[in-house]
Amino acid sequence: MRHVPRRKRRQPATGLTNEELYALSAYILALNKIIGESEVMDAKTLPQVKMPNRDNFIIWDPNRI
């Protein structure tokens, strides 16, 4: 019988901090040329980003059914 060493258990995923989340969002938006590479993302600036397809969404209205 052959002995197979067990791997160390990984620590549970902790998620991203707020700063990491904003940095990742800024990186993805800059890659897609939606914002400039030097723009800063935070709680105030992220909601102000104008997405390219913002005018083409259909708003579903439950009152019209």
C-alpha atoms as a PDB file:
ATOM      1  CA  MET A   1       0.000   0.000   0.000  1.00  0.00           C
ATOM      2  CA  ARG A   2       1.367   3.383  -0.982  1.00  0.00           C
ATOM      3  CA  HIS A   3       1.179   6.376   1.343  1.00  0.00           C
ATOM      4  CA  VAL A   4      -0.306   9.536  -0.206  1.00  0.00           C
ATOM      5  CA  PRO A   5       0.500  12.659   1.770  1.00  0.00           C
ATOM      6  CA  ARG A   6      -2.504  14.821   2.513  1.00  0.00           C
ATOM      7  CA  ARG A   7      -2.462  18.410   1.453  1.00  0.00           C
ATOM      8  CA  LYS A   8      -2.791  21.220   3.923  1.00  0.00           C
ATOM      9  CA  ARG A   9      -6.321  22.468   4.193  1.00  0.00           C
ATOM     10  CA  ARG A  10      -6.877  25.813   2.598  1.00  0.00           C
ATOM     11  CA  GLN A  11      -8.082  28.643   4.723  1.00  0.00           C
ATOM     12  CA  PRO A  12     -11.645  29.735   3.929  1.00  0.00           C
ATOM     13  CA  ALA A  13     -12.047  32.481   1.348  1.00  0.00           C
ATOM     14  CA  THR A  14     -12.360  35.870   2.952  1.00  0.00           C
ATOM     15  CA  GLY A  15     -13.560  38.012   0.043  1.00  0.00           C
ATOM     16  CA  LEU A  16     -12.327  41.413  -1.018  1.00  0.00           C
ATOM     17  CA  THR A  17     -11.925  44.544   1.029  1.00  0.00           C
ATOM     18  CA  ASN A  18     -13.708  47.680  -0.159  1.00  0.00           C
ATOM     19  CA  GLU A  19     -10.456  49.095  -1.523  1.00  0.00           C
ATOM     20  CA  GLU A  20      -9.728  45.874  -3.428  1.00  0.00           C
ATOM     21  CA  LEU A  21     -13.243  45.824  -4.874  1.00  0.00           C
ATOM     22  CA  TYR A  22     -12.998  49.417  -6.097  1.00  0.00           C
ATOM     23  CA  ALA A  23      -9.513  48.773  -7.512  1.00  0.00           C
ATOM     24  CA  LEU A  24     -10.742  45.692  -9.385  1.00  0.00           C
ATOM     25  CA  SER A  25     -13.762  47.588 -10.708  1.00  0.00           C
ATOM     26  CA  ALA A  26     -11.546  50.448 -11.876  1.00  0.00           C
ATOM     27  CA  TYR A  27      -9.171  47.986 -13.553  1.00  0.00           C
ATOM     28  CA  ILE A  28     -11.976  46.263 -15.491  1.00  0.00           C
ATOM     29  CA  LEU A  29     -13.594  49.564 -16.468  1.00  0.00           C
ATOM     30  CA  ALA A  30     -10.231  50.947 -17.630  1.00  0.00           C
ATOM     31  CA  LEU A  31      -9.499  47.798 -19.662  1.00  0.00           C
ATOM     32  CA  ASN A  32     -12.764  48.401 -21.508  1.00  0.00           C
ATOM     33  CA  LYS A  33     -11.940  52.114 -21.910  1.00  0.00           C
ATOM     34  CA  ILE A  34     -15.033  53.169 -19.962  1.00  0.00           C
ATOM     35  CA  ILE A  35     -12.920  55.237 -17.564  1.00  0.00           C
ATOM     36  CA  GLY A  36      -9.388  56.607 -17.780  1.00  0.00           C
ATOM     37  CA  GLU A  37      -6.466  54.604 -16.409  1.00  0.00           C
ATOM     38  CA  SER A  38      -5.709  57.251 -13.795  1.00  0.00           C
ATOM     39  CA  GLU A  39      -9.271  57.686 -12.510  1.00  0.00           C
ATOM     40  CA  VAL A  40      -9.925  56.722  -8.899  1.00  0.00           C
ATOM     41  CA  MET A  41     -12.901  54.546  -7.960  1.00  0.00           C
ATOM     42  CA  ASP A  42     -14.574  54.819  -4.578  1.00  0.00           C
ATOM     43  CA  ALA A  43     -18.088  54.886  -3.144  1.00  0.00           C
ATOM     44  CA  LYS A  44     -18.746  58.341  -4.627  1.00  0.00           C
ATOM     45  CA  THR A  45     -17.258  57.906  -8.094  1.00  0.00           C
ATOM     46  CA  LEU A  46     -18.401  54.372  -8.990  1.00  0.00           C
ATOM     47  CA  PRO A  47     -22.148  55.231  -9.201  1.00  0.00           C
ATOM     48  CA  GLN A  48     -21.273  58.163 -11.493  1.00  0.00           C
ATOM     49  CA  VAL A  49     -19.752  55.908 -14.179  1.00  0.00           C
ATOM     50  CA  LYS A  50     -21.841  56.061 -17.353  1.00  0.00           C
ATOM     51  CA  MET A  51     -22.030  52.587 -18.853  1.00  0.00           C
ATOM     52  CA  PRO A  52     -22.083  52.438 -22.678  1.00  0.00           C
ATOM     53  CA  ASN A  53     -25.421  50.583 -22.945  1.00  0.00           C
ATOM     54  CA  ARG A  54     -27.263  52.582 -20.289  1.00  0.00           C
ATOM     55  CA  ASP A  55     -29.957  53.861 -22.658  1.00  0.00           C
ATOM     56  CA  ASN A  56     -30.842  50.490 -24.184  1.00  0.00           C
ATOM     57  CA  PHE A  57     -32.265  48.652 -21.184  1.00  0.00           C
ATOM     58  CA  ILE A  58     -35.928  47.694 -21.063  1.00  0.00           C
ATOM     59  CA  ILE A  59     -37.514  48.524 -17.733  1.00  0.00           C
ATOM     60  CA  TRP A  60     -40.054  45.931 -16.730  1.00  0.00           C
ATOM     61  CA  ASP A  61     -43.145  47.452 -15.148  1.00  0.00           C
ATOM     62  CA  PRO A  62     -45.310  44.977 -13.174  1.00  0.00           C
ATOM     63  CA  ASN A  63     -48.222  47.448 -13.234  1.00  0.00           C
ATOM     64  CA  ARG A  64     -48.533  47.114 -17.027  1.00  0.00           C
ATOM     65  CA  ILE A  65     -49.321  43.367 -17.036  1.00  0.00           C
END
